Structure formats: C-alpha cells, structure tokens
Amino acid sequence: MARTNPLQFVQQVRAEVAKVVWPTRREVLLTTVMVFIMATLTAIFFALVDLAIRGGLQAILGIFG
C-alpha cells in the first residue's frame, strides 16, 4: 500500500470532510424524536408479550401444580 506523508494525509482528510453533508438541526431533532417514539413502542410491545407469556405459564403451572 502506498505511503503518504503527513501533509498529504491531512489534505486528503480535509477534502473528504468537505464532501460530508451534515444534517440540519431540524433533521437531527426529528430523527431523535422518532428514535424515542420507536424505543417506547418497542418497550410497550415487549412488556405486553412478557405479560402474555407470564400469564400463559402461570395458567399452565396452575393446571399441573
């Protein structure tokens, strides 16, 4: 692999960083809110599944216990 000197490396890094499209404050806020909403919905879903499994197991153990 070809080696570059430190000056060329820094120039290449600056050129690549200049190509990055940074999100706006509004985009960051919206995606953050969407992540919190999805995390909350996922937590509710798994809590309900846990309750259903627990109730089913208690019913089965109640029959045989």
N, C-alpha and C. Protein backbone atom coordinates (compact mmCIF):
# COMPACT_ATOMS: atom_id res chain seq x y z
N MET A 1 0.85 -1.17 0.00
CA MET A 1 0.00 0.00 0.00
C MET A 1 0.90 1.24 0.00
N ALA A 2 0.55 2.23 -0.79
CA ALA A 2 1.37 3.43 -0.91
C ALA A 2 1.30 4.25 0.36
N ARG A 3 2.45 4.81 0.73
CA ARG A 3 2.51 5.65 1.92
C ARG A 3 2.42 7.11 1.49
N THR A 4 1.75 7.90 2.31
CA THR A 4 1.67 9.33 2.05
C THR A 4 2.30 10.06 3.22
N ASN A 5 2.81 11.24 2.94
CA ASN A 5 3.39 11.99 4.04
C ASN A 5 2.27 12.65 4.84
N PRO A 6 2.56 13.10 6.04
CA PRO A 6 1.50 13.66 6.91
C PRO A 6 0.75 14.84 6.28
N LEU A 7 1.43 15.69 5.53
CA LEU A 7 0.78 16.84 4.92
C LEU A 7 -0.26 16.39 3.89
N GLN A 8 0.10 15.42 3.06
CA GLN A 8 -0.85 14.89 2.07
C GLN A 8 -2.04 14.23 2.77
N PHE A 9 -1.75 13.52 3.85
CA PHE A 9 -2.82 12.86 4.60
C PHE A 9 -3.83 13.88 5.12
N VAL A 10 -3.33 14.95 5.73
CA VAL A 10 -4.22 15.98 6.26
C VAL A 10 -5.02 16.63 5.14
N GLN A 11 -4.40 16.86 4.00
CA GLN A 11 -5.12 17.44 2.85
C GLN A 11 -6.22 16.50 2.37
N GLN A 12 -5.93 15.21 2.32
CA GLN A 12 -6.93 14.24 1.89
C GLN A 12 -8.09 14.16 2.89
N VAL A 13 -7.76 14.21 4.16
CA VAL A 13 -8.80 14.17 5.19
C VAL A 13 -9.71 15.39 5.06
N ARG A 14 -9.11 16.58 4.90
CA ARG A 14 -9.91 17.80 4.77
C ARG A 14 -10.79 17.73 3.52
N ALA A 15 -10.28 17.17 2.43
CA ALA A 15 -11.06 17.05 1.20
C ALA A 15 -12.25 16.11 1.41
N GLU A 16 -12.03 15.02 2.13
CA GLU A 16 -13.13 14.08 2.39
C GLU A 16 -14.17 14.67 3.34
N VAL A 17 -13.72 15.38 4.36
CA VAL A 17 -14.65 16.00 5.31
C VAL A 17 -15.49 17.06 4.61
N ALA A 18 -14.92 17.72 3.63
CA ALA A 18 -15.67 18.75 2.89
C ALA A 18 -16.80 18.13 2.08
N LYS A 19 -16.70 16.84 1.76
CA LYS A 19 -17.75 16.15 0.98
C LYS A 19 -18.94 15.73 1.85
N VAL A 20 -18.75 15.72 3.17
CA VAL A 20 -19.79 15.26 4.08
C VAL A 20 -20.96 16.24 4.06
N VAL A 21 -22.18 15.69 3.98
CA VAL A 21 -23.38 16.52 4.06
C VAL A 21 -23.90 16.40 5.50
N TRP A 22 -23.75 17.46 6.26
CA TRP A 22 -24.14 17.44 7.67
C TRP A 22 -25.64 17.69 7.79
N PRO A 23 -26.31 16.98 8.69
CA PRO A 23 -27.76 17.19 8.86
C PRO A 23 -28.05 18.54 9.51
N THR A 24 -29.24 19.05 9.21
CA THR A 24 -29.66 20.30 9.82
C THR A 24 -30.13 20.03 11.25
N ARG A 25 -30.28 21.08 12.02
CA ARG A 25 -30.77 20.93 13.39
C ARG A 25 -32.16 20.30 13.41
N ARG A 26 -33.00 20.69 12.45
CA ARG A 26 -34.36 20.14 12.38
C ARG A 26 -34.34 18.65 12.08
N GLU A 27 -33.46 18.22 11.15
CA GLU A 27 -33.36 16.80 10.83
C GLU A 27 -32.89 15.99 12.04
N VAL A 28 -31.94 16.52 12.77
CA VAL A 28 -31.44 15.83 13.96
C VAL A 28 -32.54 15.72 15.00
N LEU A 29 -33.29 16.80 15.20
CA LEU A 29 -34.37 16.79 16.18
C LEU A 29 -35.45 15.78 15.79
N LEU A 30 -35.85 15.78 14.52
CA LEU A 30 -36.89 14.85 14.08
C LEU A 30 -36.46 13.39 14.20
N THR A 31 -35.24 13.08 13.80
CA THR A 31 -34.80 11.70 13.90
C THR A 31 -34.63 11.28 15.37
N THR A 32 -34.22 12.20 16.23
CA THR A 32 -34.11 11.88 17.66
C THR A 32 -35.49 11.58 18.25
N VAL A 33 -36.47 12.39 17.91
CA VAL A 33 -37.83 12.16 18.39
C VAL A 33 -38.36 10.82 17.87
N MET A 34 -38.10 10.52 16.60
CA MET A 34 -38.56 9.25 16.03
C MET A 34 -37.91 8.06 16.73
N VAL A 35 -36.63 8.18 17.09
CA VAL A 35 -35.95 7.09 17.81
C VAL A 35 -36.60 6.88 19.17
N PHE A 36 -36.89 7.97 19.90
CA PHE A 36 -37.53 7.83 21.20
C PHE A 36 -38.92 7.21 21.08
N ILE A 37 -39.68 7.60 20.06
CA ILE A 37 -41.01 7.02 19.85
C ILE A 37 -40.91 5.53 19.56
N MET A 38 -39.99 5.15 18.66
CA MET A 38 -39.85 3.73 18.32
C MET A 38 -39.36 2.92 19.53
N ALA A 39 -38.46 3.49 20.33
CA ALA A 39 -37.98 2.78 21.52
C ALA A 39 -39.12 2.58 22.51
N THR A 40 -39.98 3.59 22.66
CA THR A 40 -41.13 3.47 23.57
C THR A 40 -42.11 2.41 23.06
N LEU A 41 -42.41 2.44 21.77
CA LEU A 41 -43.33 1.43 21.21
C LEU A 41 -42.76 0.02 21.34
N THR A 42 -41.47 -0.12 21.13
CA THR A 42 -40.83 -1.43 21.28
C THR A 42 -40.90 -1.91 22.73
N ALA A 43 -40.65 -1.01 23.67
CA ALA A 43 -40.72 -1.38 25.08
C ALA A 43 -42.13 -1.81 25.47
N ILE A 44 -43.13 -1.09 24.98
CA ILE A 44 -44.53 -1.45 25.27
C ILE A 44 -44.85 -2.81 24.68
N PHE A 45 -44.42 -3.04 23.43
CA PHE A 45 -44.68 -4.33 22.78
C PHE A 45 -44.08 -5.48 23.59
N PHE A 46 -42.81 -5.36 23.98
CA PHE A 46 -42.17 -6.45 24.71
C PHE A 46 -42.74 -6.61 26.11
N ALA A 47 -43.21 -5.54 26.72
CA ALA A 47 -43.86 -5.65 28.03
C ALA A 47 -45.16 -6.44 27.89
N LEU A 48 -45.92 -6.16 26.83
CA LEU A 48 -47.16 -6.91 26.61
C LEU A 48 -46.90 -8.37 26.30
N VAL A 49 -45.88 -8.65 25.50
CA VAL A 49 -45.52 -10.04 25.20
C VAL A 49 -45.09 -10.75 26.48
N ASP A 50 -44.33 -10.07 27.32
CA ASP A 50 -43.89 -10.64 28.59
C ASP A 50 -45.09 -10.97 29.49
N LEU A 51 -46.04 -10.04 29.54
CA LEU A 51 -47.24 -10.30 30.34
C LEU A 51 -48.02 -11.50 29.81
N ALA A 52 -48.13 -11.61 28.50
CA ALA A 52 -48.86 -12.72 27.91
C ALA A 52 -48.16 -14.05 28.20
N ILE A 53 -46.85 -14.08 28.04
CA ILE A 53 -46.12 -15.32 28.32
C ILE A 53 -46.21 -15.68 29.80
N ARG A 54 -46.07 -14.67 30.67
CA ARG A 54 -46.17 -14.93 32.11
C ARG A 54 -47.55 -15.48 32.46
N GLY A 55 -48.60 -14.87 31.91
CA GLY A 55 -49.96 -15.35 32.18
C GLY A 55 -50.17 -16.76 31.67
N GLY A 56 -49.66 -17.05 30.49
CA GLY A 56 -49.78 -18.40 29.95
C GLY A 56 -49.05 -19.43 30.79
N LEU A 57 -47.85 -19.10 31.21
CA LEU A 57 -47.10 -20.04 32.05
C LEU A 57 -47.76 -20.23 33.41
N GLN A 58 -48.29 -19.16 33.99
CA GLN A 58 -48.98 -19.30 35.27
C GLN A 58 -50.23 -20.17 35.12
N ALA A 59 -50.92 -20.02 34.00
CA ALA A 59 -52.10 -20.85 33.77
C ALA A 59 -51.72 -22.34 33.61
N ILE A 60 -50.66 -22.58 32.86
CA ILE A 60 -50.20 -23.97 32.68
C ILE A 60 -49.72 -24.56 33.99
N LEU A 61 -48.95 -23.78 34.75
CA LEU A 61 -48.47 -24.30 36.04
C LEU A 61 -49.63 -24.44 37.04
N GLY A 62 -50.64 -23.61 36.92
CA GLY A 62 -51.79 -23.73 37.80
C GLY A 62 -52.57 -25.01 37.53
N ILE A 63 -52.60 -25.42 36.28
CA ILE A 63 -53.30 -26.67 35.92
C ILE A 63 -52.54 -27.87 36.47
N PHE A 64 -51.22 -27.89 36.29
CA PHE A 64 -50.42 -29.05 36.67
C PHE A 64 -49.83 -28.92 38.08
N GLY A 65 -49.95 -27.77 38.73
CA GLY A 65 -49.32 -27.59 40.04
C GLY A 65 -50.29 -27.69 41.10
